Amino acid sequence: MVKRTYNLDIVLQALSDPTRRQVVERLGIGPSSVSDLASPFSMAMPSFMQHLDILESAQLIYTEKVGRVRICYLNPNPFSVMESWLQVQKSLWETRLNQLDSFLLKTKGKT
């Protein structure tokens, strides 16, 4: 099995757009055709396809042609890169806030 690496910057950039986030949320329910994914949005199909291309370039989704229909699938693996980064940030800030809390409690006791 090939181990893939995912670029956090590319994943976050792809998710920076609300349309693309909505597509990812929808695909979290299950696979969907491009036309079904595009239906809630009031944009031309070529514009919508650009959003899918960005998501596919970031490896957040992959597509498969079934007959004349293109089906989109969510790839959950790149989210682990984002999750790892967020966990580090959370841990860092929890430590800093705990230190601030300790400092404030010591300072309060001195007055």
N, C-alpha and C. Protein backbone atom coordinates (compact mmCIF):
# COMPACT_ATOMS: atom_id res chain seq x y z
N MET A 1 0.83 -1.18 0.00
CA MET A 1 0.00 0.00 0.00
C MET A 1 0.88 1.25 0.00
N VAL A 2 0.55 2.23 -0.81
CA VAL A 2 1.31 3.45 -0.94
C VAL A 2 0.86 4.43 0.14
N LYS A 3 1.84 4.96 0.88
CA LYS A 3 1.54 5.97 1.90
C LYS A 3 1.58 7.33 1.22
N ARG A 4 0.48 8.05 1.31
CA ARG A 4 0.40 9.37 0.69
C ARG A 4 0.61 10.44 1.75
N THR A 5 1.19 11.53 1.31
CA THR A 5 1.33 12.68 2.19
C THR A 5 0.42 13.79 1.68
N TYR A 6 -0.09 14.55 2.59
CA TYR A 6 -1.03 15.61 2.25
C TYR A 6 -0.46 16.93 2.76
N ASN A 7 -0.60 17.97 1.97
CA ASN A 7 -0.06 19.27 2.30
C ASN A 7 -1.11 20.08 3.04
N LEU A 8 -0.81 20.45 4.28
CA LEU A 8 -1.75 21.20 5.12
C LEU A 8 -2.17 22.51 4.46
N ASP A 9 -1.22 23.23 3.88
CA ASP A 9 -1.54 24.51 3.25
C ASP A 9 -2.54 24.34 2.11
N ILE A 10 -2.35 23.31 1.30
CA ILE A 10 -3.25 23.08 0.17
C ILE A 10 -4.62 22.66 0.66
N VAL A 11 -4.67 21.83 1.69
CA VAL A 11 -5.96 21.39 2.25
C VAL A 11 -6.72 22.58 2.82
N LEU A 12 -6.03 23.41 3.60
CA LEU A 12 -6.70 24.57 4.20
C LEU A 12 -7.13 25.58 3.13
N GLN A 13 -6.30 25.75 2.12
CA GLN A 13 -6.67 26.67 1.04
C GLN A 13 -7.91 26.17 0.31
N ALA A 14 -7.96 24.87 0.06
CA ALA A 14 -9.13 24.31 -0.62
C ALA A 14 -10.39 24.49 0.22
N LEU A 15 -10.26 24.40 1.52
CA LEU A 15 -11.41 24.52 2.41
C LEU A 15 -11.73 25.96 2.78
N SER A 16 -10.97 26.90 2.26
CA SER A 16 -11.19 28.31 2.60
C SER A 16 -12.43 28.89 1.94
N ASP A 17 -12.96 28.22 0.95
CA ASP A 17 -14.13 28.72 0.22
C ASP A 17 -15.40 28.05 0.74
N PRO A 18 -16.46 28.83 1.02
CA PRO A 18 -17.69 28.25 1.56
C PRO A 18 -18.36 27.24 0.62
N THR A 19 -18.27 27.45 -0.67
CA THR A 19 -18.86 26.49 -1.62
C THR A 19 -18.17 25.14 -1.49
N ARG A 20 -16.85 25.17 -1.43
CA ARG A 20 -16.11 23.90 -1.33
C ARG A 20 -16.37 23.23 0.01
N ARG A 21 -16.49 24.01 1.08
CA ARG A 21 -16.82 23.40 2.38
C ARG A 21 -18.19 22.74 2.34
N GLN A 22 -19.14 23.38 1.68
CA GLN A 22 -20.48 22.78 1.57
C GLN A 22 -20.43 21.48 0.76
N VAL A 23 -19.62 21.45 -0.27
CA VAL A 23 -19.48 20.23 -1.07
C VAL A 23 -18.89 19.11 -0.19
N VAL A 24 -17.86 19.44 0.58
CA VAL A 24 -17.25 18.45 1.47
C VAL A 24 -18.26 17.97 2.50
N GLU A 25 -19.03 18.88 3.07
CA GLU A 25 -20.06 18.49 4.05
C GLU A 25 -21.07 17.55 3.41
N ARG A 26 -21.49 17.86 2.20
CA ARG A 26 -22.46 17.01 1.51
C ARG A 26 -21.88 15.63 1.23
N LEU A 27 -20.61 15.59 0.81
CA LEU A 27 -19.99 14.29 0.52
C LEU A 27 -19.73 13.49 1.79
N GLY A 28 -19.76 14.16 2.94
CA GLY A 28 -19.64 13.44 4.20
C GLY A 28 -20.83 12.52 4.44
N ILE A 29 -21.94 12.81 3.79
CA ILE A 29 -23.13 11.96 3.89
C ILE A 29 -22.97 10.72 3.01
N GLY A 30 -22.30 10.90 1.86
CA GLY A 30 -22.08 9.80 0.93
C GLY A 30 -21.77 10.32 -0.46
N PRO A 31 -21.37 9.43 -1.36
CA PRO A 31 -21.04 9.84 -2.72
C PRO A 31 -22.22 10.51 -3.42
N SER A 32 -21.89 11.36 -4.38
CA SER A 32 -22.94 12.08 -5.10
C SER A 32 -22.46 12.40 -6.51
N SER A 33 -23.40 12.53 -7.41
CA SER A 33 -23.06 12.92 -8.77
C SER A 33 -22.72 14.41 -8.79
N VAL A 34 -21.95 14.82 -9.79
CA VAL A 34 -21.59 16.23 -9.94
C VAL A 34 -22.84 17.08 -10.07
N SER A 35 -23.80 16.65 -10.86
CA SER A 35 -25.01 17.45 -11.06
C SER A 35 -25.81 17.60 -9.77
N ASP A 36 -25.86 16.54 -8.95
CA ASP A 36 -26.56 16.65 -7.66
C ASP A 36 -25.82 17.59 -6.71
N LEU A 37 -24.49 17.53 -6.74
CA LEU A 37 -23.71 18.42 -5.90
C LEU A 37 -23.88 19.88 -6.31
N ALA A 38 -23.98 20.11 -7.62
CA ALA A 38 -24.06 21.47 -8.15
C ALA A 38 -25.44 22.09 -7.97
N SER A 39 -26.47 21.27 -7.83
CA SER A 39 -27.85 21.78 -7.85
C SER A 39 -28.15 22.87 -6.80
N PRO A 40 -27.61 22.83 -5.58
CA PRO A 40 -27.94 23.88 -4.63
C PRO A 40 -27.29 25.24 -4.92
N PHE A 41 -26.34 25.26 -5.83
CA PHE A 41 -25.56 26.48 -6.07
C PHE A 41 -26.04 27.18 -7.33
N SER A 42 -26.12 28.49 -7.27
CA SER A 42 -26.55 29.27 -8.43
C SER A 42 -25.32 29.75 -9.20
N MET A 43 -24.65 28.80 -9.82
CA MET A 43 -23.49 29.12 -10.65
C MET A 43 -23.47 28.19 -11.85
N ALA A 44 -22.79 28.64 -12.87
CA ALA A 44 -22.67 27.83 -14.08
C ALA A 44 -21.84 26.58 -13.77
N MET A 45 -22.11 25.51 -14.50
CA MET A 45 -21.41 24.25 -14.27
C MET A 45 -19.88 24.39 -14.41
N PRO A 46 -19.36 25.14 -15.39
CA PRO A 46 -17.90 25.28 -15.46
C PRO A 46 -17.31 25.93 -14.19
N SER A 47 -18.02 26.88 -13.62
CA SER A 47 -17.56 27.50 -12.37
C SER A 47 -17.58 26.50 -11.23
N PHE A 48 -18.63 25.70 -11.16
CA PHE A 48 -18.72 24.68 -10.12
C PHE A 48 -17.62 23.63 -10.30
N MET A 49 -17.34 23.28 -11.52
CA MET A 49 -16.30 22.28 -11.80
C MET A 49 -14.92 22.78 -11.34
N GLN A 50 -14.70 24.08 -11.39
CA GLN A 50 -13.43 24.63 -10.88
C GLN A 50 -13.30 24.35 -9.38
N HIS A 51 -14.40 24.46 -8.65
CA HIS A 51 -14.37 24.14 -7.22
C HIS A 51 -14.03 22.66 -7.01
N LEU A 52 -14.64 21.80 -7.80
CA LEU A 52 -14.34 20.36 -7.68
C LEU A 52 -12.89 20.08 -8.03
N ASP A 53 -12.37 20.76 -9.05
CA ASP A 53 -10.97 20.57 -9.43
C ASP A 53 -10.03 20.94 -8.29
N ILE A 54 -10.35 22.01 -7.58
CA ILE A 54 -9.52 22.44 -6.45
C ILE A 54 -9.58 21.39 -5.33
N LEU A 55 -10.78 20.90 -5.04
CA LEU A 55 -10.92 19.86 -4.01
C LEU A 55 -10.19 18.59 -4.41
N GLU A 56 -10.24 18.27 -5.70
CA GLU A 56 -9.57 17.06 -6.17
C GLU A 56 -8.05 17.25 -6.15
N SER A 57 -7.58 18.44 -6.49
CA SER A 57 -6.14 18.73 -6.44
C SER A 57 -5.60 18.63 -5.02
N ALA A 58 -6.42 19.03 -4.06
CA ALA A 58 -6.04 18.93 -2.64
C ALA A 58 -6.22 17.51 -2.11
N GLN A 59 -6.72 16.62 -2.94
CA GLN A 59 -6.96 15.21 -2.61
C GLN A 59 -8.05 15.04 -1.55
N LEU A 60 -8.91 16.05 -1.41
CA LEU A 60 -10.03 15.94 -0.48
C LEU A 60 -11.16 15.11 -1.05
N ILE A 61 -11.25 15.10 -2.38
CA ILE A 61 -12.26 14.28 -3.05
C ILE A 61 -11.60 13.54 -4.20
N TYR A 62 -12.27 12.51 -4.66
CA TYR A 62 -11.88 11.86 -5.91
C TYR A 62 -13.15 11.55 -6.67
N THR A 63 -13.01 11.42 -7.98
CA THR A 63 -14.17 11.19 -8.82
C THR A 63 -13.99 9.92 -9.63
N GLU A 64 -15.13 9.40 -10.05
CA GLU A 64 -15.15 8.19 -10.86
C GLU A 64 -16.28 8.35 -11.87
N LYS A 65 -15.98 8.02 -13.10
CA LYS A 65 -16.99 8.10 -14.14
C LYS A 65 -17.72 6.76 -14.21
N VAL A 66 -19.04 6.83 -14.05
CA VAL A 66 -19.89 5.65 -14.12
C VAL A 66 -20.87 5.89 -15.27
N GLY A 67 -20.58 5.30 -16.42
CA GLY A 67 -21.39 5.57 -17.61
C GLY A 67 -21.19 7.01 -18.02
N ARG A 68 -22.27 7.76 -18.06
CA ARG A 68 -22.20 9.18 -18.43
C ARG A 68 -22.21 10.10 -17.21
N VAL A 69 -22.16 9.52 -16.03
CA VAL A 69 -22.27 10.29 -14.79
C VAL A 69 -20.93 10.26 -14.05
N ARG A 70 -20.50 11.42 -13.57
CA ARG A 70 -19.30 11.50 -12.75
C ARG A 70 -19.74 11.55 -11.29
N ILE A 71 -19.23 10.58 -10.52
CA ILE A 71 -19.56 10.46 -9.10
C ILE A 71 -18.38 10.98 -8.28
N CYS A 72 -18.68 11.77 -7.25
CA CYS A 72 -17.65 12.31 -6.36
C CYS A 72 -17.70 11.58 -5.02
N TYR A 73 -16.53 11.34 -4.48
CA TYR A 73 -16.38 10.67 -3.19
C TYR A 73 -15.48 11.51 -2.30
N LEU A 74 -15.74 11.49 -1.02
CA LEU A 74 -14.90 12.18 -0.05
C LEU A 74 -13.71 11.29 0.30
N ASN A 75 -12.53 11.89 0.35
CA ASN A 75 -11.34 11.19 0.81
C ASN A 75 -11.02 11.72 2.20
N PRO A 76 -11.29 10.96 3.25
CA PRO A 76 -11.10 11.48 4.61
C PRO A 76 -9.64 11.60 5.05
N ASN A 77 -8.72 10.98 4.33
CA ASN A 77 -7.32 10.93 4.76
C ASN A 77 -6.65 12.29 4.93
N PRO A 78 -6.86 13.26 4.02
CA PRO A 78 -6.19 14.56 4.22
C PRO A 78 -6.63 15.29 5.49
N PHE A 79 -7.78 14.95 6.01
CA PHE A 79 -8.25 15.61 7.22
C PHE A 79 -7.39 15.25 8.42
N SER A 80 -6.69 14.12 8.36
CA SER A 80 -5.82 13.73 9.47
C SER A 80 -4.65 14.69 9.61
N VAL A 81 -4.17 15.26 8.51
CA VAL A 81 -3.10 16.26 8.56
C VAL A 81 -3.59 17.50 9.29
N MET A 82 -4.79 17.92 8.95
CA MET A 82 -5.38 19.09 9.59
C MET A 82 -5.67 18.80 11.06
N GLU A 83 -6.17 17.62 11.35
CA GLU A 83 -6.47 17.24 12.72
C GLU A 83 -5.20 17.23 13.58
N SER A 84 -4.11 16.70 13.04
CA SER A 84 -2.84 16.67 13.77
C SER A 84 -2.36 18.08 14.08
N TRP A 85 -2.43 18.96 13.09
CA TRP A 85 -1.98 20.34 13.28
C TRP A 85 -2.85 21.03 14.33
N LEU A 86 -4.16 20.84 14.25
CA LEU A 86 -5.06 21.46 15.22
C LEU A 86 -4.82 20.92 16.63
N GLN A 87 -4.50 19.65 16.75
CA GLN A 87 -4.23 19.07 18.06
C GLN A 87 -2.99 19.69 18.69
N VAL A 88 -1.96 19.91 17.88
CA VAL A 88 -0.75 20.57 18.39
C VAL A 88 -1.09 21.98 18.86
N GLN A 89 -1.88 22.71 18.05
CA GLN A 89 -2.26 24.07 18.43
C GLN A 89 -3.08 24.07 19.71
N LYS A 90 -4.00 23.15 19.82
CA LYS A 90 -4.84 23.05 21.01
C LYS A 90 -3.99 22.80 22.25
N SER A 91 -3.07 21.86 22.14
CA SER A 91 -2.20 21.53 23.26
C SER A 91 -1.35 22.72 23.67
N LEU A 92 -0.81 23.42 22.69
CA LEU A 92 0.01 24.60 22.96
C LEU A 92 -0.79 25.66 23.70
N TRP A 93 -2.00 25.95 23.23
CA TRP A 93 -2.80 26.98 23.86
C TRP A 93 -3.35 26.55 25.21
N GLU A 94 -3.64 25.28 25.39
CA GLU A 94 -4.06 24.82 26.71
C GLU A 94 -2.94 25.01 27.73
N THR A 95 -1.71 24.71 27.32
CA THR A 95 -0.56 24.90 28.20
C THR A 95 -0.40 26.38 28.54
N ARG A 96 -0.47 27.23 27.54
CA ARG A 96 -0.31 28.67 27.77
C ARG A 96 -1.42 29.21 28.68
N LEU A 97 -2.65 28.79 28.45
CA LEU A 97 -3.75 29.27 29.28
C LEU A 97 -3.64 28.76 30.71
N ASN A 98 -3.17 27.53 30.88
CA ASN A 98 -2.96 27.01 32.24
C ASN A 98 -1.87 27.80 32.96
N GLN A 99 -0.81 28.15 32.22
CA GLN A 99 0.26 28.96 32.83
C GLN A 99 -0.27 30.34 33.21
N LEU A 100 -1.08 30.93 32.35
CA LEU A 100 -1.67 32.24 32.65
C LEU A 100 -2.58 32.14 33.87
N ASP A 101 -3.37 31.09 33.94
CA ASP A 101 -4.26 30.88 35.08
C ASP A 101 -3.45 30.78 36.38
N SER A 102 -2.38 30.00 36.35
CA SER A 102 -1.53 29.86 37.54
C SER A 102 -0.93 31.20 37.94
N PHE A 103 -0.44 31.95 36.96
CA PHE A 103 0.14 33.26 37.22
C PHE A 103 -0.88 34.20 37.85
N LEU A 104 -2.08 34.23 37.28
CA LEU A 104 -3.12 35.12 37.80
C LEU A 104 -3.54 34.73 39.21
N LEU A 105 -3.63 33.43 39.48
CA LEU A 105 -3.98 32.99 40.83
C LEU A 105 -2.90 33.37 41.84
N LYS A 106 -1.63 33.25 41.45
CA LYS A 106 -0.53 33.66 42.34
C LYS A 106 -0.54 35.17 42.55
N THR A 107 -0.78 35.91 41.49
CA THR A 107 -0.81 37.38 41.58
C THR A 107 -1.97 37.84 42.44
N LYS A 108 -3.10 37.19 42.30
CA LYS A 108 -4.30 37.55 43.09
C LYS A 108 -4.02 37.32 44.58
N GLY A 109 -3.29 36.26 44.90
CA GLY A 109 -2.99 35.95 46.28
C GLY A 109 -2.03 36.92 46.92
N LYS A 110 -1.25 37.67 46.14
CA LYS A 110 -0.26 38.62 46.66
C LYS A 110 -0.87 39.98 46.98
N THR A 111 -2.06 40.26 46.51
CA THR A 111 -2.66 41.57 46.75
C THR A 111 -3.50 41.62 47.98
